[in-house]
All heavy atoms as atom14 arrays in JSON, in Angstrom:
{
  "sequence": "EIPEFDRARKLLDQELERAGGKGQTLPAQIRVGSMLEVPALLYQL",
  "atom14_mask": [
    [1, 1, 1, 1, 1, 1, 1, 1, 1, 0, 0, 0, 0, 0],
    [1, 1, 1, 1, 1, 1, 1, 1, 0, 0, 0, 0, 0, 0],
    [1, 1, 1, 1, 1, 1, 1, 0, 0, 0, 0, 0, 0, 0],
    [1, 1, 1, 1, 1, 1, 1, 1, 1, 0, 0, 0, 0, 0],
    [1, 1, 1, 1, 1, 1, 1, 1, 1, 1, 1, 0, 0, 0],
    [1, 1, 1, 1, 1, 1, 1, 1, 0, 0, 0, 0, 0, 0],
    [1, 1, 1, 1, 1, 1, 1, 1, 1, 1, 1, 0, 0, 0],
    [1, 1, 1, 1, 1, 0, 0, 0, 0, 0, 0, 0, 0, 0],
    [1, 1, 1, 1, 1, 1, 1, 1, 1, 1, 1, 0, 0, 0],
    [1, 1, 1, 1, 1, 1, 1, 1, 1, 0, 0, 0, 0, 0],
    [1, 1, 1, 1, 1, 1, 1, 1, 0, 0, 0, 0, 0, 0],
    [1, 1, 1, 1, 1, 1, 1, 1, 0, 0, 0, 0, 0, 0],
    [1, 1, 1, 1, 1, 1, 1, 1, 0, 0, 0, 0, 0, 0],
    [1, 1, 1, 1, 1, 1, 1, 1, 1, 0, 0, 0, 0, 0],
    [1, 1, 1, 1, 1, 1, 1, 1, 1, 0, 0, 0, 0, 0],
    [1, 1, 1, 1, 1, 1, 1, 1, 0, 0, 0, 0, 0, 0],
    [1, 1, 1, 1, 1, 1, 1, 1, 1, 0, 0, 0, 0, 0],
    [1, 1, 1, 1, 1, 1, 1, 1, 1, 1, 1, 0, 0, 0],
    [1, 1, 1, 1, 1, 0, 0, 0, 0, 0, 0, 0, 0, 0],
    [1, 1, 1, 1, 0, 0, 0, 0, 0, 0, 0, 0, 0, 0],
    [1, 1, 1, 1, 0, 0, 0, 0, 0, 0, 0, 0, 0, 0],
    [1, 1, 1, 1, 1, 1, 1, 1, 1, 0, 0, 0, 0, 0],
    [1, 1, 1, 1, 0, 0, 0, 0, 0, 0, 0, 0, 0, 0],
    [1, 1, 1, 1, 1, 1, 1, 1, 1, 0, 0, 0, 0, 0],
    [1, 1, 1, 1, 1, 1, 1, 0, 0, 0, 0, 0, 0, 0],
    [1, 1, 1, 1, 1, 1, 1, 1, 0, 0, 0, 0, 0, 0],
    [1, 1, 1, 1, 1, 1, 1, 0, 0, 0, 0, 0, 0, 0],
    [1, 1, 1, 1, 1, 0, 0, 0, 0, 0, 0, 0, 0, 0],
    [1, 1, 1, 1, 1, 1, 1, 1, 1, 0, 0, 0, 0, 0],
    [1, 1, 1, 1, 1, 1, 1, 1, 0, 0, 0, 0, 0, 0],
    [1, 1, 1, 1, 1, 1, 1, 1, 1, 1, 1, 0, 0, 0],
    [1, 1, 1, 1, 1, 1, 1, 0, 0, 0, 0, 0, 0, 0],
    [1, 1, 1, 1, 0, 0, 0, 0, 0, 0, 0, 0, 0, 0],
    [1, 1, 1, 1, 1, 1, 0, 0, 0, 0, 0, 0, 0, 0],
    [1, 1, 1, 1, 1, 1, 1, 1, 0, 0, 0, 0, 0, 0],
    [1, 1, 1, 1, 1, 1, 1, 1, 0, 0, 0, 0, 0, 0],
    [1, 1, 1, 1, 1, 1, 1, 1, 1, 0, 0, 0, 0, 0],
    [1, 1, 1, 1, 1, 1, 1, 0, 0, 0, 0, 0, 0, 0],
    [1, 1, 1, 1, 1, 1, 1, 0, 0, 0, 0, 0, 0, 0],
    [1, 1, 1, 1, 1, 0, 0, 0, 0, 0, 0, 0, 0, 0],
    [1, 1, 1, 1, 1, 1, 1, 1, 0, 0, 0, 0, 0, 0],
    [1, 1, 1, 1, 1, 1, 1, 1, 0, 0, 0, 0, 0, 0],
    [1, 1, 1, 1, 1, 1, 1, 1, 1, 1, 1, 1, 0, 0],
    [1, 1, 1, 1, 1, 1, 1, 1, 1, 0, 0, 0, 0, 0],
    [1, 1, 1, 1, 1, 1, 1, 1, 0, 0, 0, 0, 0, 0]
  ],
  "atom14_positions": [
    [[2.25, 18.3, 4.83], [3.52, 17.63, 5.06], [3.47, 16.23, 4.45], [2.4, 15.67, 4.22], [3.83, 17.57, 6.55], [2.78, 16.84, 7.37], [3.16, 16.73, 8.83], [4.1, 17.45, 9.25], [2.54, 15.92, 9.55], [0.0, 0.0, 0.0], [0.0, 0.0, 0.0], [0.0, 0.0, 0.0], [0.0, 0.0, 0.0], [0.0, 0.0, 0.0]],
    [[4.63, 15.68, 4.18], [4.72, 14.38, 3.52], [4.02, 13.27, 4.3], [3.34, 12.42, 3.71], [6.19, 14.02, 3.25], [6.85, 15.1, 2.36], [6.3, 12.67, 2.58], [6.15, 15.34, 1.04], [0.0, 0.0, 0.0], [0.0, 0.0, 0.0], [0.0, 0.0, 0.0], [0.0, 0.0, 0.0], [0.0, 0.0, 0.0], [0.0, 0.0, 0.0]],
    [[4.16, 13.2, 5.64], [3.46, 12.13, 6.36], [1.95, 12.12, 6.13], [1.33, 11.06, 6.15], [3.81, 12.42, 7.83], [5.15, 13.09, 7.77], [5.08, 13.95, 6.54], [0.0, 0.0, 0.0], [0.0, 0.0, 0.0], [0.0, 0.0, 0.0], [0.0, 0.0, 0.0], [0.0, 0.0, 0.0], [0.0, 0.0, 0.0], [0.0, 0.0, 0.0]],
    [[1.35, 13.29, 5.92], [-0.09, 13.31, 5.62], [-0.37, 12.6, 4.3], [-1.32, 11.81, 4.2], [-0.59, 14.76, 5.55], [-0.73, 15.44, 6.89], [-1.22, 16.86, 6.78], [-1.0, 17.5, 5.72], [-1.82, 17.35, 7.75], [0.0, 0.0, 0.0], [0.0, 0.0, 0.0], [0.0, 0.0, 0.0], [0.0, 0.0, 0.0], [0.0, 0.0, 0.0]],
    [[0.43, 12.89, 3.29], [0.23, 12.21, 2.0], [0.45, 10.71, 2.16], [-0.32, 9.91, 1.61], [1.19, 12.77, 0.95], [1.04, 12.1, -0.39], [0.09, 12.53, -1.3], [1.84, 11.01, -0.73], [-0.07, 11.89, -2.52], [1.7, 10.37, -1.95], [0.74, 10.81, -2.85], [0.0, 0.0, 0.0], [0.0, 0.0, 0.0], [0.0, 0.0, 0.0]],
    [[1.48, 10.33, 2.89], [1.78, 8.9, 3.07], [0.62, 8.18, 3.76], [0.25, 7.05, 3.38], [3.05, 8.73, 3.9], [4.3, 9.11, 3.12], [4.23, 9.19, 1.87], [5.36, 9.33, 3.76], [0.0, 0.0, 0.0], [0.0, 0.0, 0.0], [0.0, 0.0, 0.0], [0.0, 0.0, 0.0], [0.0, 0.0, 0.0], [0.0, 0.0, 0.0]],
    [[0.02, 8.81, 4.76], [-1.11, 8.17, 5.45], [-2.32, 8.04, 4.53], [-3.0, 7.01, 4.54], [-1.49, 8.99, 6.69], [-0.47, 8.91, 7.83], [-0.86, 9.84, 8.95], [-2.16, 9.5, 9.53], [-2.85, 10.31, 10.32], [-2.36, 11.53, 10.62], [-4.0, 9.94, 10.82], [0.0, 0.0, 0.0], [0.0, 0.0, 0.0], [0.0, 0.0, 0.0]],
    [[-2.57, 9.08, 3.73], [-3.69, 9.01, 2.79], [-3.45, 7.94, 1.72], [-4.35, 7.17, 1.37], [-3.9, 10.37, 2.13], [0.0, 0.0, 0.0], [0.0, 0.0, 0.0], [0.0, 0.0, 0.0], [0.0, 0.0, 0.0], [0.0, 0.0, 0.0], [0.0, 0.0, 0.0], [0.0, 0.0, 0.0], [0.0, 0.0, 0.0], [0.0, 0.0, 0.0]],
    [[-2.22, 7.88, 1.22], [-1.88, 6.87, 0.21], [-2.01, 5.46, 0.8], [-2.44, 4.52, 0.1], [-0.47, 7.11, -0.32], [0.01, 6.08, -1.36], [-0.89, 6.11, -2.59], [-0.7, 4.98, -3.45], [0.0, 5.03, -4.59], [0.55, 6.16, -4.98], [0.1, 3.97, -5.34], [0.0, 0.0, 0.0], [0.0, 0.0, 0.0], [0.0, 0.0, 0.0]],
    [[-1.66, 5.32, 2.06], [-1.78, 4.0, 2.71], [-3.24, 3.55, 2.76], [-3.54, 2.36, 2.54], [-1.18, 4.06, 4.11], [-1.16, 2.7, 4.82], [-0.5, 2.8, 6.19], [-0.5, 1.44, 6.89], [0.16, 1.51, 8.22], [0.0, 0.0, 0.0], [0.0, 0.0, 0.0], [0.0, 0.0, 0.0], [0.0, 0.0, 0.0], [0.0, 0.0, 0.0]],
    [[-4.15, 4.49, 3.04], [-5.57, 4.14, 3.05], [-6.02, 3.67, 1.67], [-6.81, 2.72, 1.55], [-6.4, 5.34, 3.5], [-6.27, 5.77, 4.97], [-7.07, 7.04, 5.22], [-6.73, 4.66, 5.9], [0.0, 0.0, 0.0], [0.0, 0.0, 0.0], [0.0, 0.0, 0.0], [0.0, 0.0, 0.0], [0.0, 0.0, 0.0], [0.0, 0.0, 0.0]],
    [[-5.54, 4.35, 0.62], [-5.88, 3.93, -0.74], [-5.34, 2.54, -1.03], [-6.05, 1.68, -1.59], [-5.31, 4.95, -1.74], [-5.46, 4.59, -3.23], [-6.92, 4.41, -3.62], [-4.8, 5.65, -4.1], [0.0, 0.0, 0.0], [0.0, 0.0, 0.0], [0.0, 0.0, 0.0], [0.0, 0.0, 0.0], [0.0, 0.0, 0.0], [0.0, 0.0, 0.0]],
    [[-4.1, 2.29, -0.66], [-3.5, 0.96, -0.9], [-4.27, -0.13, -0.14], [-4.45, -1.24, -0.66], [-2.03, 0.97, -0.48], [-1.17, 1.83, -1.39], [-1.59, 2.08, -2.54], [-0.08, 2.25, -0.96], [0.0, 0.0, 0.0], [0.0, 0.0, 0.0], [0.0, 0.0, 0.0], [0.0, 0.0, 0.0], [0.0, 0.0, 0.0], [0.0, 0.0, 0.0]],
    [[-4.71, 0.19, 1.06], [-5.48, -0.79, 1.83], [-6.8, -1.13, 1.14], [-7.2, -2.3, 1.09], [-5.75, -0.25, 3.24], [-4.52, -0.21, 4.14], [-4.8, 0.48, 5.47], [-5.84, 1.12, 5.66], [-3.87, 0.34, 6.41], [0.0, 0.0, 0.0], [0.0, 0.0, 0.0], [0.0, 0.0, 0.0], [0.0, 0.0, 0.0], [0.0, 0.0, 0.0]],
    [[-7.45, -0.11, 0.6], [-8.73, -0.35, -0.09], [-8.52, -1.12, -1.39], [-9.36, -1.95, -1.78], [-9.45, 0.97, -0.35], [-10.04, 1.61, 0.9], [-10.99, 0.67, 1.64], [-11.82, 0.0, 0.97], [-10.89, 0.57, 2.88], [0.0, 0.0, 0.0], [0.0, 0.0, 0.0], [0.0, 0.0, 0.0], [0.0, 0.0, 0.0], [0.0, 0.0, 0.0]],
    [[-7.41, -0.86, -2.08], [-7.1, -1.63, -3.29], [-6.85, -3.1, -2.94], [-7.33, -4.01, -3.64], [-5.88, -1.03, -3.99], [-6.09, 0.29, -4.72], [-4.76, 0.92, -5.1], [-6.95, 0.07, -5.98], [0.0, 0.0, 0.0], [0.0, 0.0, 0.0], [0.0, 0.0, 0.0], [0.0, 0.0, 0.0], [0.0, 0.0, 0.0], [0.0, 0.0, 0.0]],
    [[-6.11, -3.31, -1.86], [-5.83, -4.69, -1.44], [-7.13, -5.38, -1.03], [-7.35, -6.55, -1.34], [-4.84, -4.66, -0.27], [-4.42, -6.05, 0.2], [-3.39, -5.99, 1.32], [-2.91, -4.89, 1.64], [-3.08, -7.07, 1.89], [0.0, 0.0, 0.0], [0.0, 0.0, 0.0], [0.0, 0.0, 0.0], [0.0, 0.0, 0.0], [0.0, 0.0, 0.0]],
    [[-7.99, -4.66, -0.35], [-9.26, -5.22, 0.08], [-10.13, -5.6, -1.12], [-10.72, -6.68, -1.15], [-10.0, -4.2, 0.96], [-11.36, -4.65, 1.46], [-12.0, -3.52, 2.28], [-13.27, -3.94, 2.85], [-14.42, -3.9, 2.19], [-14.46, -3.5, 0.94], [-15.54, -4.3, 2.79], [0.0, 0.0, 0.0], [0.0, 0.0, 0.0], [0.0, 0.0, 0.0]],
    [[-10.19, -4.69, -2.11], [-11.01, -4.97, -3.29], [-10.46, -6.17, -4.06], [-11.21, -7.02, -4.55], [-11.06, -3.74, -4.19], [0.0, 0.0, 0.0], [0.0, 0.0, 0.0], [0.0, 0.0, 0.0], [0.0, 0.0, 0.0], [0.0, 0.0, 0.0], [0.0, 0.0, 0.0], [0.0, 0.0, 0.0], [0.0, 0.0, 0.0], [0.0, 0.0, 0.0]],
    [[-9.13, -6.23, -4.17], [-8.51, -7.36, -4.87], [-8.77, -8.66, -4.15], [-9.03, -9.71, -4.79], [0.0, 0.0, 0.0], [0.0, 0.0, 0.0], [0.0, 0.0, 0.0], [0.0, 0.0, 0.0], [0.0, 0.0, 0.0], [0.0, 0.0, 0.0], [0.0, 0.0, 0.0], [0.0, 0.0, 0.0], [0.0, 0.0, 0.0], [0.0, 0.0, 0.0]],
    [[-8.73, -8.64, -2.82], [-8.97, -9.84, -2.04], [-10.39, -10.35, -2.18], [-10.66, -11.55, -2.0], [0.0, 0.0, 0.0], [0.0, 0.0, 0.0], [0.0, 0.0, 0.0], [0.0, 0.0, 0.0], [0.0, 0.0, 0.0], [0.0, 0.0, 0.0], [0.0, 0.0, 0.0], [0.0, 0.0, 0.0], [0.0, 0.0, 0.0], [0.0, 0.0, 0.0]],
    [[-11.32, -9.44, -2.49], [-12.72, -9.85, -2.66], [-13.04, -10.2, -4.11], [-14.2, -10.46, -4.44], [-13.64, -8.73, -2.19], [-13.49, -8.4, -0.71], [-14.47, -7.34, -0.25], [-15.87, -7.88, -0.18], [-16.81, -6.93, 0.46], [0.0, 0.0, 0.0], [0.0, 0.0, 0.0], [0.0, 0.0, 0.0], [0.0, 0.0, 0.0], [0.0, 0.0, 0.0]],
    [[-12.02, -10.18, -4.96], [-12.22, -10.56, -6.35], [-12.83, -9.49, -7.21], [-13.29, -9.76, -8.33], [0.0, 0.0, 0.0], [0.0, 0.0, 0.0], [0.0, 0.0, 0.0], [0.0, 0.0, 0.0], [0.0, 0.0, 0.0], [0.0, 0.0, 0.0], [0.0, 0.0, 0.0], [0.0, 0.0, 0.0], [0.0, 0.0, 0.0], [0.0, 0.0, 0.0]],
    [[-12.84, -8.24, -6.75], [-13.39, -7.15, -7.54], [-12.44, -6.78, -8.69], [-11.23, -6.96, -8.59], [-13.62, -5.92, -6.67], [-14.67, -6.1, -5.59], [-14.82, -4.84, -4.73], [-14.32, -3.77, -5.07], [-15.5, -4.97, -3.6], [0.0, 0.0, 0.0], [0.0, 0.0, 0.0], [0.0, 0.0, 0.0], [0.0, 0.0, 0.0], [0.0, 0.0, 0.0]],
    [[-13.03, -6.27, -9.76], [-12.22, -5.77, -10.87], [-11.58, -4.45, -10.46], [-12.29, -3.5, -10.12], [-13.08, -5.56, -12.13], [-13.72, -6.79, -12.48], [-12.22, -5.07, -13.28], [0.0, 0.0, 0.0], [0.0, 0.0, 0.0], [0.0, 0.0, 0.0], [0.0, 0.0, 0.0], [0.0, 0.0, 0.0], [0.0, 0.0, 0.0], [0.0, 0.0, 0.0]],
    [[-10.28, -4.4, -10.49], [-9.57, -3.2, -10.07], [-9.46, -2.2, -11.22], [-9.64, -2.56, -12.39], [-8.17, -3.57, -9.57], [-8.11, -4.47, -8.34], [-6.66, -4.78, -7.98], [-8.83, -3.84, -7.15], [0.0, 0.0, 0.0], [0.0, 0.0, 0.0], [0.0, 0.0, 0.0], [0.0, 0.0, 0.0], [0.0, 0.0, 0.0], [0.0, 0.0, 0.0]],
    [[-9.2, -0.93, -10.91], [-8.96, 0.04, -11.97], [-7.81, -0.4, -12.88], [-6.84, -1.02, -12.41], [-8.62, 1.32, -11.21], [-9.27, 1.16, -9.88], [-9.17, -0.3, -9.57], [0.0, 0.0, 0.0], [0.0, 0.0, 0.0], [0.0, 0.0, 0.0], [0.0, 0.0, 0.0], [0.0, 0.0, 0.0], [0.0, 0.0, 0.0], [0.0, 0.0, 0.0]],
    [[-7.91, -0.05, -14.16], [-6.86, -0.43, -15.12], [-5.54, 0.24, -14.77], [-4.47, -0.35, -14.89], [-7.3, -0.06, -16.53], [0.0, 0.0, 0.0], [0.0, 0.0, 0.0], [0.0, 0.0, 0.0], [0.0, 0.0, 0.0], [0.0, 0.0, 0.0], [0.0, 0.0, 0.0], [0.0, 0.0, 0.0], [0.0, 0.0, 0.0], [0.0, 0.0, 0.0]],
    [[-5.62, 1.49, -14.35], [-4.42, 2.26, -13.97], [-4.82, 3.23, -12.87], [-5.92, 3.8, -12.9], [-3.85, 3.02, -15.17], [-2.62, 3.84, -14.85], [-2.15, 4.67, -16.05], [-2.91, 4.91, -16.99], [-0.9, 5.11, -16.01], [0.0, 0.0, 0.0], [0.0, 0.0, 0.0], [0.0, 0.0, 0.0], [0.0, 0.0, 0.0], [0.0, 0.0, 0.0]],
    [[-3.93, 3.44, -11.92], [-4.21, 4.37, -10.83], [-3.13, 5.44, -10.8], [-1.94, 5.13, -10.81], [-4.27, 3.65, -9.47], [-5.46, 2.7, -9.44], [-4.39, 4.67, -8.34], [-5.63, 1.99, -8.12], [0.0, 0.0, 0.0], [0.0, 0.0, 0.0], [0.0, 0.0, 0.0], [0.0, 0.0, 0.0], [0.0, 0.0, 0.0], [0.0, 0.0, 0.0]],
    [[-3.57, 6.7, -10.82], [-2.66, 7.82, -10.67], [-3.04, 8.56, -9.39], [-4.22, 8.81, -9.14], [-2.75, 8.76, -11.88], [-2.36, 8.1, -13.19], [-2.54, 9.04, -14.38], [-1.58, 10.13, -14.37], [-1.9, 11.41, -14.18], [-3.16, 11.76, -13.97], [-0.96, 12.34, -14.2], [0.0, 0.0, 0.0], [0.0, 0.0, 0.0], [0.0, 0.0, 0.0]],
    [[-2.05, 8.9, -8.6], [-2.29, 9.54, -7.32], [-1.54, 10.87, -7.28], [-0.36, 10.94, -7.62], [-1.83, 8.64, -6.15], [-2.18, 9.3, -4.81], [-2.47, 7.27, -6.25], [0.0, 0.0, 0.0], [0.0, 0.0, 0.0], [0.0, 0.0, 0.0], [0.0, 0.0, 0.0], [0.0, 0.0, 0.0], [0.0, 0.0, 0.0], [0.0, 0.0, 0.0]],
    [[-2.25, 11.9, -6.89], [-1.64, 13.22, -6.87], [-1.96, 13.99, -5.6], [-2.73, 13.53, -4.74], [0.0, 0.0, 0.0], [0.0, 0.0, 0.0], [0.0, 0.0, 0.0], [0.0, 0.0, 0.0], [0.0, 0.0, 0.0], [0.0, 0.0, 0.0], [0.0, 0.0, 0.0], [0.0, 0.0, 0.0], [0.0, 0.0, 0.0], [0.0, 0.0, 0.0]],
    [[-1.39, 15.17, -5.5], [-1.59, 16.03, -4.34], [-1.96, 17.43, -4.81], [-1.4, 17.94, -5.78], [-0.31, 16.09, -3.51], [-0.4, 17.1, -2.51], [0.0, 0.0, 0.0], [0.0, 0.0, 0.0], [0.0, 0.0, 0.0], [0.0, 0.0, 0.0], [0.0, 0.0, 0.0], [0.0, 0.0, 0.0], [0.0, 0.0, 0.0], [0.0, 0.0, 0.0]],
    [[-2.89, 18.05, -4.1], [-3.1, 19.47, -4.27], [-1.95, 20.22, -3.61], [-1.43, 19.78, -2.57], [-4.41, 19.9, -3.61], [-5.67, 19.37, -4.26], [-6.08, 20.23, -5.8], [-6.61, 21.82, -5.19], [0.0, 0.0, 0.0], [0.0, 0.0, 0.0], [0.0, 0.0, 0.0], [0.0, 0.0, 0.0], [0.0, 0.0, 0.0], [0.0, 0.0, 0.0]],
    [[-1.53, 21.31, -4.21], [-0.52, 22.17, -3.59], [-1.22, 23.47, -3.22], [-1.46, 24.32, -4.07], [0.65, 22.42, -4.54], [1.95, 22.86, -3.85], [3.15, 22.62, -4.75], [1.91, 24.31, -3.41], [0.0, 0.0, 0.0], [0.0, 0.0, 0.0], [0.0, 0.0, 0.0], [0.0, 0.0, 0.0], [0.0, 0.0, 0.0], [0.0, 0.0, 0.0]],
    [[-1.6, 23.56, -1.96], [-2.33, 24.73, -1.46], [-1.66, 25.36, -0.26], [-1.96, 26.5, 0.1], [-3.75, 24.3, -1.04], [-4.56, 23.67, -2.16], [-5.72, 22.87, -1.64], [-5.5, 21.75, -1.12], [-6.86, 23.36, -1.74], [0.0, 0.0, 0.0], [0.0, 0.0, 0.0], [0.0, 0.0, 0.0], [0.0, 0.0, 0.0], [0.0, 0.0, 0.0]],
    [[-0.76, 24.62, 0.38], [-0.1, 25.1, 1.59], [1.36, 25.41, 1.26], [2.09, 24.54, 0.76], [-0.16, 24.03, 2.7], [0.5, 24.53, 3.97], [-1.62, 23.64, 2.97], [0.0, 0.0, 0.0], [0.0, 0.0, 0.0], [0.0, 0.0, 0.0], [0.0, 0.0, 0.0], [0.0, 0.0, 0.0], [0.0, 0.0, 0.0], [0.0, 0.0, 0.0]],
    [[1.81, 26.64, 1.48], [3.18, 27.02, 1.11], [4.26, 26.1, 1.67], [5.3, 25.91, 1.04], [3.32, 28.44, 1.66], [1.93, 28.98, 1.64], [1.05, 27.82, 1.99], [0.0, 0.0, 0.0], [0.0, 0.0, 0.0], [0.0, 0.0, 0.0], [0.0, 0.0, 0.0], [0.0, 0.0, 0.0], [0.0, 0.0, 0.0], [0.0, 0.0, 0.0]],
    [[4.03, 25.49, 2.84], [5.04, 24.6, 3.42], [5.41, 23.46, 2.49], [6.54, 22.96, 2.5], [4.54, 24.04, 4.76], [0.0, 0.0, 0.0], [0.0, 0.0, 0.0], [0.0, 0.0, 0.0], [0.0, 0.0, 0.0], [0.0, 0.0, 0.0], [0.0, 0.0, 0.0], [0.0, 0.0, 0.0], [0.0, 0.0, 0.0], [0.0, 0.0, 0.0]],
    [[4.46, 23.04, 1.64], [4.71, 21.91, 0.76], [5.72, 22.26, -0.34], [6.38, 21.39, -0.9], [3.39, 21.44, 0.13], [3.34, 20.0, -0.39], [3.7, 19.01, 0.7], [1.95, 19.69, -0.95], [0.0, 0.0, 0.0], [0.0, 0.0, 0.0], [0.0, 0.0, 0.0], [0.0, 0.0, 0.0], [0.0, 0.0, 0.0], [0.0, 0.0, 0.0]],
    [[5.86, 23.56, -0.63], [6.83, 23.99, -1.63], [8.25, 23.64, -1.2], [9.13, 23.45, -2.04], [6.72, 25.5, -1.86], [5.48, 25.98, -2.62], [5.31, 27.48, -2.44], [5.6, 25.63, -4.09], [0.0, 0.0, 0.0], [0.0, 0.0, 0.0], [0.0, 0.0, 0.0], [0.0, 0.0, 0.0], [0.0, 0.0, 0.0], [0.0, 0.0, 0.0]],
    [[8.48, 23.57, 0.1], [9.81, 23.28, 0.62], [10.02, 21.78, 0.86], [11.03, 21.38, 1.42], [10.04, 24.07, 1.92], [9.98, 25.56, 1.69], [8.8, 26.26, 1.86], [11.1, 26.26, 1.24], [8.73, 27.63, 1.62], [11.04, 27.62, 1.0], [9.86, 28.3, 1.2], [9.8, 29.66, 0.95], [0.0, 0.0, 0.0], [0.0, 0.0, 0.0]],
    [[9.04, 20.98, 0.41], [9.15, 19.52, 0.51], [8.96, 18.87, -0.86], [8.64, 17.69, -0.96], [8.09, 18.98, 1.48], [8.13, 19.62, 2.86], [6.9, 19.3, 3.69], [6.69, 18.17, 4.11], [6.05, 20.3, 3.91], [0.0, 0.0, 0.0], [0.0, 0.0, 0.0], [0.0, 0.0, 0.0], [0.0, 0.0, 0.0], [0.0, 0.0, 0.0]],
    [[9.16, 19.65, -1.93], [8.87, 19.16, -3.27], [9.65, 17.9, -3.66], [9.05, 16.98, -4.23], [9.12, 20.27, -4.3], [8.0, 21.3, -4.45], [8.4, 22.37, -5.46], [6.69, 20.64, -4.88], [0.0, 0.0, 0.0], [0.0, 0.0, 0.0], [0.0, 0.0, 0.0], [0.0, 0.0, 0.0], [0.0, 0.0, 0.0], [0.0, 0.0, 0.0]]
  ]
}
């Protein structure tokens, strides 16, 4: 379901913010995707 993706994406954003705050070199570009393995997700495309 979409809320699961949103929660996972939020964790990624938090880690990016944390790394930036510590002065780490961030990835040049970030692409985020989802596996489609559960039929319910087809109805939330």
